[in-house]
Amino acid sequence: MSKLDRYLLRDFVQSFLATLIVLLVVSVGGVLVDILGNIADGRLPARLLFSQLGLQFIVYMPLILPLALMLGLLLATARLYRDSEMAVLTAIGVGPKRLLRPVLMIVLPVVGLIGLCSLWLGPWADRTGEQMIEDANRSLVMAGLEAGKFTPLPNGGVVYLSSVSPSGTQLGRVFLQREREGQIEVMSAERGRMHFEGDRQRYLELESGHQIEGPSGGGLDYKLMTFAGNDVALPDGAVTRDKNDPELLPTGQLFGDPRPEAQAQLHSRITPPLIALAFALMTLPLARSSPRQQRYGRMMLAFLAYLVGMNLMFIGTGWIADGKVPGSLGLWWLSLPLLGLALWMYFRDGRLSRPRRTA
């Protein structure tokens, strides 16, 4: 590798990594708000916060990496024009086509990573996250109810368990206190277990215990009851998707699935690396600027082009799922013309126009 290639590659990599870090920091807010909302409602255990956050980032990587690659290359190439380094390179015979080698040295590995995340890692992370949520909904241990510890309930109150079975469903000697509708309730039971109704409704089924109920604001109107069985509702678990959902299926199973939703999901996984390659090839012609031109005048144009391309991908995916576009056509009508446009712009970049003839 020549010194010029090493210099340009180092500049491209540094700019790409800096842009990627900024985009990840910006994206973490939206993902974190959704997860914290489920935790606050009691639908998701707090101990799954970081695991769900990491898995969701893997799912969104096919959307973040193309933007980071495009903006990183644009910033690095625009700096070459701003500092007149591109003029020096042109003076020694290094044109835009000579820059294809260092550009591809970073573009091809990143496009491969995008394809890996889109075709394999993303669906795997989605399936793993759904399985972790389903296991948490059906386990007292994952729901945060630990033996020998007072645990606050998301809907108000506190619960204490003396022991929990290894499976996380059976418990012994339960103490529970909660307040609702101006009444305070205190319950104790010899044993209990987790009880389910449907996929999301969870109950603590208490056996052989006592319950004291009275006004929380003061007074002596208290009632003491003895029960053989009593069900206490826990917050509903998080919504889980069907295991046959195309978004959760491995990519290999989507090829033989005739459902329109499966074909839409398949093309939505194939398209991101192709779009990333097209936008990466557009960066060199889009970053070209004259000495008196704005330094980053075309940056917004490139960002708008990315937004339009991604929106068309989402709209096209919906058309395939609704049966408006046949699965054989897929999203090729978007990715192939975009690749052709990128190649045309790249090979036309730096070419002098034919002078006009004047009388």
Protein backbone atom coordinates (compact mmCIF):
# COMPACT_ATOMS: atom_id res chain seq x y z
CA MET A 1 0.00 0.00 0.00
CA SER A 2 1.41 3.40 -0.99
CA LYS A 3 1.86 6.30 1.40
CA LEU A 4 -0.97 8.17 -0.31
CA ASP A 5 -3.38 5.26 0.18
CA ARG A 6 -2.42 4.92 3.85
CA TYR A 7 -2.87 8.64 4.42
CA LEU A 8 -6.29 8.76 2.76
CA LEU A 9 -7.45 5.51 4.37
CA ARG A 10 -6.49 6.74 7.82
CA ASP A 11 -8.37 10.00 7.20
CA PHE A 12 -11.45 8.15 5.94
CA VAL A 13 -11.49 5.70 8.86
CA GLN A 14 -11.12 8.42 11.49
CA SER A 15 -13.91 10.49 9.98
CA PHE A 16 -16.19 7.43 9.67
CA LEU A 17 -15.64 6.34 13.28
CA ALA A 18 -16.21 9.87 14.62
CA THR A 19 -19.46 10.15 12.66
CA LEU A 20 -20.58 6.69 13.78
CA ILE A 21 -20.00 7.52 17.46
CA VAL A 22 -22.01 10.74 17.15
CA LEU A 23 -24.91 8.92 15.44
CA LEU A 24 -24.89 6.16 18.06
CA VAL A 25 -25.01 8.71 20.88
CA VAL A 26 -27.91 10.50 19.17
CA SER A 27 -29.76 7.23 18.51
CA VAL A 28 -29.41 5.90 22.04
CA GLY A 29 -31.94 8.44 23.30
CA GLY A 30 -34.87 7.17 21.24
CA VAL A 31 -34.14 3.51 21.94
CA LEU A 32 -33.59 4.15 25.64
CA VAL A 33 -36.89 6.03 26.01
CA ASP A 34 -38.88 3.08 24.63
CA ILE A 35 -37.14 0.58 26.92
CA LEU A 36 -37.45 2.79 30.01
CA GLY A 37 -41.16 3.27 29.25
CA ASN A 38 -41.71 -0.50 29.35
CA ILE A 39 -39.68 -0.75 32.58
CA ALA A 40 -41.67 2.05 34.24
CA ASP A 41 -44.94 0.34 33.31
CA GLY A 42 -43.70 -2.94 34.77
CA ARG A 43 -43.78 -4.74 31.42
CA LEU A 44 -40.02 -5.24 31.34
CA PRO A 45 -37.62 -6.05 34.21
CA ALA A 46 -35.00 -3.38 34.91
CA ARG A 47 -32.20 -5.93 34.74
CA LEU A 48 -32.88 -6.39 31.01
CA LEU A 49 -32.17 -2.71 30.26
CA PHE A 50 -28.62 -3.01 28.95
CA SER A 51 -29.14 -6.33 27.17
CA GLN A 52 -32.19 -5.01 25.32
CA LEU A 53 -30.38 -1.76 24.51
CA GLY A 54 -27.43 -3.62 22.99
CA LEU A 55 -29.65 -5.97 20.99
CA GLN A 56 -31.71 -3.07 19.63
CA PHE A 57 -28.55 -1.33 18.47
CA ILE A 58 -27.63 -4.41 16.44
CA VAL A 59 -31.11 -4.34 14.85
CA TYR A 60 -30.71 -0.65 13.87
CA MET A 61 -27.12 -0.95 12.61
CA PRO A 62 -28.18 -1.50 8.94
CA LEU A 63 -29.81 1.95 9.09
CA ILE A 64 -27.08 3.77 11.05
CA LEU A 65 -23.95 2.43 9.33
CA PRO A 66 -24.83 3.62 5.77
CA LEU A 67 -25.44 7.16 7.03
CA ALA A 68 -22.23 7.14 9.08
CA LEU A 69 -20.24 5.85 6.10
CA MET A 70 -21.65 8.45 3.72
CA LEU A 71 -21.24 11.42 6.07
CA GLY A 72 -17.78 10.28 7.16
CA LEU A 73 -16.51 10.05 3.58
CA LEU A 74 -18.15 13.39 2.74
CA LEU A 75 -16.47 15.13 5.67
CA ALA A 76 -13.06 13.65 4.88
CA THR A 77 -13.24 14.42 1.14
CA ALA A 78 -14.62 17.92 1.72
CA ARG A 79 -11.67 18.60 4.01
CA LEU A 80 -9.30 17.65 1.21
CA TYR A 81 -10.91 20.28 -1.00
CA ARG A 82 -11.05 22.86 1.80
CA ASP A 83 -7.33 22.53 2.63
CA SER A 84 -6.40 22.49 -1.10
CA GLU A 85 -4.97 18.99 -0.74
CA MET A 86 -7.12 17.80 -3.62
CA ALA A 87 -5.67 20.54 -5.83
CA VAL A 88 -2.17 19.33 -4.99
CA LEU A 89 -3.14 15.71 -5.69
CA THR A 90 -4.63 16.74 -9.03
CA ALA A 91 -1.47 18.65 -9.91
CA ILE A 92 0.64 15.52 -9.49
CA GLY A 93 -1.71 13.45 -11.63
CA VAL A 94 -3.92 11.89 -8.95
CA GLY A 95 -7.53 12.28 -10.11
CA PRO A 96 -10.84 11.16 -8.61
CA LYS A 97 -10.56 7.70 -10.14
CA ARG A 98 -7.26 7.15 -8.33
CA LEU A 99 -9.11 7.66 -5.02
CA LEU A 100 -11.27 4.61 -5.67
CA ARG A 101 -8.70 2.27 -4.10
CA PRO A 102 -8.57 3.87 -0.60
CA VAL A 103 -12.30 4.49 -0.72
CA LEU A 104 -13.05 0.83 -1.42
CA MET A 105 -10.65 -0.22 1.36
CA ILE A 106 -13.09 1.22 3.88
CA VAL A 107 -16.35 0.90 1.92
CA LEU A 108 -16.20 -2.85 1.22
CA PRO A 109 -15.60 -3.95 4.86
CA VAL A 110 -18.34 -1.60 6.12
CA VAL A 111 -20.78 -2.80 3.44
CA GLY A 112 -19.93 -6.37 4.43
CA LEU A 113 -20.64 -5.51 8.06
CA ILE A 114 -23.96 -3.95 7.05
CA GLY A 115 -24.88 -7.10 5.14
CA LEU A 116 -23.88 -9.24 8.13
CA CYS A 117 -26.05 -7.19 10.50
CA SER A 118 -28.96 -7.01 8.07
CA LEU A 119 -29.03 -10.66 7.00
CA TRP A 120 -27.92 -12.48 10.15
CA LEU A 121 -27.06 -10.47 13.28
CA GLY A 122 -30.16 -8.26 13.18
CA PRO A 123 -32.72 -11.11 13.02
CA TRP A 124 -30.71 -13.04 15.62
CA ALA A 125 -30.75 -10.04 17.99
CA ASP A 126 -34.48 -9.58 17.42
CA ARG A 127 -35.19 -13.24 18.23
CA THR A 128 -32.91 -13.19 21.27
CA GLY A 129 -34.56 -10.06 22.66
CA GLU A 130 -38.04 -11.50 22.21
CA GLN A 131 -37.01 -14.75 23.93
CA MET A 132 -35.50 -12.85 26.87
CA ILE A 133 -38.71 -10.81 27.29
CA GLU A 134 -40.87 -13.95 27.11
CA ASP A 135 -38.71 -15.70 29.71
CA ALA A 136 -38.86 -12.61 31.95
CA ASN A 137 -42.65 -12.48 31.74
CA ARG A 138 -42.85 -16.06 33.01
CA SER A 139 -40.20 -15.93 35.73
CA LEU A 140 -40.36 -14.32 39.17
CA VAL A 141 -36.59 -14.13 39.30
CA MET A 142 -36.35 -12.16 36.05
CA ALA A 143 -39.30 -9.98 37.14
CA GLY A 144 -37.15 -8.75 40.02
CA LEU A 145 -38.81 -10.69 42.85
CA GLU A 146 -35.87 -12.10 44.81
CA ALA A 147 -35.89 -14.14 48.00
CA GLY A 148 -34.98 -12.38 51.24
CA LYS A 149 -35.46 -8.91 49.79
CA PHE A 150 -38.23 -6.29 49.86
CA THR A 151 -39.04 -5.54 46.22
CA PRO A 152 -41.13 -2.52 45.16
CA LEU A 153 -43.89 -3.27 42.68
CA PRO A 154 -44.18 -1.01 39.60
CA ASN A 155 -47.89 -0.42 40.29
CA GLY A 156 -47.24 0.53 43.92
CA GLY A 157 -46.60 -1.53 47.04
CA VAL A 158 -43.87 -3.86 48.19
CA VAL A 159 -43.47 -7.64 48.30
CA TYR A 160 -41.18 -9.89 50.32
CA LEU A 161 -40.43 -13.57 49.56
CA SER A 162 -38.66 -15.89 51.96
CA SER A 163 -37.74 -18.41 49.25
CA VAL A 164 -38.05 -18.90 45.48
CA SER A 165 -37.80 -22.19 43.60
CA PRO A 166 -34.99 -22.63 41.04
CA SER A 167 -37.54 -22.45 38.24
CA GLY A 168 -38.65 -19.01 39.44
CA THR A 169 -42.35 -19.92 39.63
CA GLN A 170 -42.87 -21.34 43.16
CA LEU A 171 -42.37 -19.19 46.27
CA GLY A 172 -42.68 -19.65 50.01
CA ARG A 173 -43.86 -17.35 52.83
CA VAL A 174 -45.00 -14.22 51.04
CA PHE A 175 -45.57 -10.75 52.52
CA LEU A 176 -47.25 -8.13 50.34
CA GLN A 177 -48.38 -4.57 51.06
CA ARG A 178 -50.06 -2.25 48.57
CA GLU A 179 -52.37 0.75 48.47
CA ARG A 180 -55.22 1.34 46.03
CA GLU A 181 -58.41 3.44 46.00
CA GLY A 182 -57.67 4.91 49.42
CA GLN A 183 -57.34 1.46 51.01
CA ILE A 184 -54.22 -0.18 52.31
CA GLU A 185 -53.85 -3.94 52.02
CA VAL A 186 -51.41 -6.20 53.84
CA MET A 187 -51.27 -9.88 52.93
CA SER A 188 -49.21 -12.79 54.15
CA ALA A 189 -49.29 -16.35 52.84
CA GLU A 190 -47.52 -19.61 53.51
CA ARG A 191 -46.74 -20.22 49.84
CA GLY A 192 -47.60 -19.08 46.34
CA ARG A 193 -46.80 -19.42 42.69
CA MET A 194 -46.84 -17.52 39.42
CA HIS A 195 -50.11 -17.83 37.51
CA PHE A 196 -50.77 -16.76 33.91
CA GLU A 197 -53.88 -15.89 31.96
CA GLY A 198 -53.13 -15.38 28.30
CA ASP A 199 -49.74 -14.20 27.13
CA ARG A 200 -49.40 -11.01 29.19
CA GLN A 201 -51.60 -11.21 32.30
CA ARG A 202 -49.62 -12.37 35.35
CA TYR A 203 -50.84 -13.14 38.87
CA LEU A 204 -49.35 -14.15 42.19
CA GLU A 205 -51.55 -16.99 43.40
CA LEU A 206 -51.24 -16.99 47.20
CA GLU A 207 -52.34 -19.93 49.38
CA SER A 208 -53.17 -20.28 53.11
CA GLY A 209 -52.79 -16.71 54.29
CA HIS A 210 -54.30 -13.64 55.93
CA GLN A 211 -55.30 -10.23 54.62
CA ILE A 212 -55.75 -6.97 56.52
CA GLU A 213 -57.55 -4.12 54.77
CA GLY A 214 -58.29 -0.63 56.03
CA PRO A 215 -58.29 3.10 55.21
CA SER A 216 -54.89 4.55 54.38
CA GLY A 217 -55.72 8.06 55.65
CA GLY A 218 -56.45 7.03 59.21
CA GLY A 219 -59.33 5.43 61.11
CA LEU A 220 -60.11 2.12 62.76
CA ASP A 221 -62.26 0.49 60.09
CA TYR A 222 -59.93 -2.47 59.50
CA LYS A 223 -60.91 -5.93 58.34
CA LEU A 224 -59.06 -9.19 58.94
CA MET A 225 -59.68 -12.03 56.54
CA THR A 226 -58.31 -15.53 56.22
CA PHE A 227 -58.13 -17.07 52.76
CA ALA A 228 -57.27 -20.41 51.26
CA GLY A 229 -56.39 -18.81 47.93
CA ASN A 230 -55.98 -15.23 46.70
CA ASP A 231 -54.78 -13.89 43.34
CA VAL A 232 -52.80 -10.64 43.20
CA ALA A 233 -52.45 -9.04 39.77
CA LEU A 234 -48.97 -8.06 38.61
CA PRO A 235 -48.31 -5.54 35.81
CA ASP A 236 -48.91 -6.99 32.36
CA GLY A 237 -45.84 -8.32 30.60
CA ALA A 238 -44.37 -6.76 27.48
CA VAL A 239 -46.00 -7.58 24.16
CA THR A 240 -44.20 -10.45 22.41
CA ARG A 241 -44.50 -11.32 18.74
CA ASP A 242 -45.40 -14.65 17.20
CA LYS A 243 -42.40 -16.89 16.55
CA ASN A 244 -43.59 -17.24 12.95
CA ASP A 245 -43.32 -13.47 12.44
CA PRO A 246 -41.15 -12.81 9.33
CA GLU A 247 -39.13 -10.23 11.28
CA LEU A 248 -37.95 -12.99 13.64
CA LEU A 249 -37.26 -15.70 11.06
CA PRO A 250 -33.72 -16.37 9.81
CA THR A 251 -33.00 -15.07 6.33
CA GLY A 252 -32.62 -18.59 4.91
CA GLN A 253 -36.22 -19.44 5.80
CA LEU A 254 -37.57 -16.35 4.02
CA PHE A 255 -36.44 -17.49 0.57
CA GLY A 256 -39.00 -20.27 0.44
CA ASP A 257 -41.78 -18.43 2.27
CA PRO A 258 -44.55 -17.37 -0.18
CA ARG A 259 -46.18 -14.87 2.20
CA PRO A 260 -45.98 -11.24 1.02
CA GLU A 261 -44.82 -10.19 4.50
CA ALA A 262 -41.92 -12.65 4.30
CA GLN A 263 -40.90 -11.44 0.83
CA ALA A 264 -41.05 -7.84 2.05
CA GLN A 265 -38.84 -8.69 5.01
CA LEU A 266 -36.37 -10.53 2.76
CA HIS A 267 -35.92 -7.56 0.42
CA SER A 268 -35.68 -5.15 3.34
CA ARG A 269 -32.65 -7.16 4.51
CA ILE A 270 -30.98 -7.37 1.09
CA THR A 271 -31.35 -3.68 0.17
CA PRO A 272 -29.38 -1.84 2.96
CA PRO A 273 -25.87 -3.00 1.88
CA LEU A 274 -26.64 -2.12 -1.76
CA ILE A 275 -27.90 1.33 -0.79
CA ALA A 276 -24.85 1.85 1.43
CA LEU A 277 -22.54 1.02 -1.50
CA ALA A 278 -24.40 3.43 -3.78
CA PHE A 279 -24.28 6.33 -1.31
CA ALA A 280 -20.60 5.68 -0.60
CA LEU A 281 -19.74 5.97 -4.31
CA MET A 282 -21.70 9.24 -4.48
CA THR A 283 -19.59 10.90 -1.81
CA LEU A 284 -16.62 11.82 -4.05
CA PRO A 285 -18.64 13.69 -6.69
CA LEU A 286 -20.90 15.25 -4.05
CA ALA A 287 -17.93 16.49 -2.00
CA ARG A 288 -16.33 18.32 -4.95
CA SER A 289 -16.24 22.07 -4.38
CA SER A 290 -14.56 25.07 -5.99
CA PRO A 291 -12.28 27.39 -3.98
CA ARG A 292 -15.01 30.02 -3.49
CA GLN A 293 -17.83 27.55 -2.84
CA GLN A 294 -19.28 26.74 0.58
CA ARG A 295 -17.09 24.23 2.43
CA TYR A 296 -19.84 21.73 3.10
CA GLY A 297 -22.49 23.05 0.73
CA ARG A 298 -23.52 19.64 -0.56
CA MET A 299 -23.63 17.95 2.83
CA MET A 300 -27.32 18.69 3.27
CA LEU A 301 -28.02 17.50 -0.27
CA ALA A 302 -26.39 14.15 0.50
CA PHE A 303 -28.31 13.84 3.78
CA LEU A 304 -31.61 14.55 2.02
CA ALA A 305 -30.73 11.95 -0.62
CA TYR A 306 -30.16 9.41 2.16
CA LEU A 307 -33.52 10.25 3.77
CA VAL A 308 -35.33 9.92 0.43
CA GLY A 309 -33.65 6.59 -0.31
CA MET A 310 -34.47 5.12 3.10
CA ASN A 311 -38.06 6.37 2.98
CA LEU A 312 -38.50 4.79 -0.45
CA MET A 313 -37.14 1.54 0.98
CA PHE A 314 -39.69 1.61 3.84
CA ILE A 315 -42.53 2.53 1.46
CA GLY A 316 -41.52 -0.20 -1.00
CA THR A 317 -41.38 -2.75 1.82
CA GLY A 318 -44.95 -1.81 2.76
CA TRP A 319 -46.06 -2.16 -0.86
CA ILE A 320 -44.62 -5.68 -1.05
CA ALA A 321 -46.26 -6.66 2.26
CA ASP A 322 -49.61 -5.31 1.04
CA GLY A 323 -49.34 -7.14 -2.29
CA LYS A 324 -49.15 -3.94 -4.38
CA VAL A 325 -45.69 -4.88 -5.69
CA PRO A 326 -44.86 -8.50 -6.63
CA GLY A 327 -42.22 -10.22 -4.57
CA SER A 328 -40.16 -11.00 -7.68
CA LEU A 329 -39.72 -7.26 -8.32
CA GLY A 330 -38.98 -6.54 -4.67
CA LEU A 331 -36.87 -3.47 -4.06
CA TRP A 332 -34.64 -3.94 -7.11
CA TRP A 333 -36.40 -0.97 -8.71
CA LEU A 334 -34.74 1.16 -6.00
CA SER A 335 -31.33 -0.37 -5.38
CA LEU A 336 -30.22 -1.08 -8.97
CA PRO A 337 -31.05 2.41 -10.40
CA LEU A 338 -29.41 3.97 -7.35
CA LEU A 339 -26.25 1.94 -7.95
CA GLY A 340 -26.31 2.92 -11.63
CA LEU A 341 -26.67 6.60 -10.73
CA ALA A 342 -23.79 6.36 -8.26
CA LEU A 343 -21.49 4.75 -10.85
CA TRP A 344 -22.44 7.36 -13.46
CA MET A 345 -21.75 10.21 -11.04
CA TYR A 346 -18.44 8.73 -9.96
CA PHE A 347 -17.00 8.11 -13.44
CA ARG A 348 -18.25 11.48 -14.65
CA ASP A 349 -16.62 13.30 -11.72
CA GLY A 350 -13.70 15.49 -12.75
CA ARG A 351 -14.36 15.15 -16.47
CA LEU A 352 -14.04 18.42 -18.35
CA SER A 353 -17.07 19.47 -20.34
CA ARG A 354 -16.73 20.01 -24.07
CA PRO A 355 -16.22 23.72 -24.87
CA ARG A 356 -19.01 25.48 -26.67
CA ARG A 357 -18.49 26.74 -30.15
CA THR A 358 -19.18 30.39 -30.71
CA ALA A 359 -19.62 32.22 -33.96
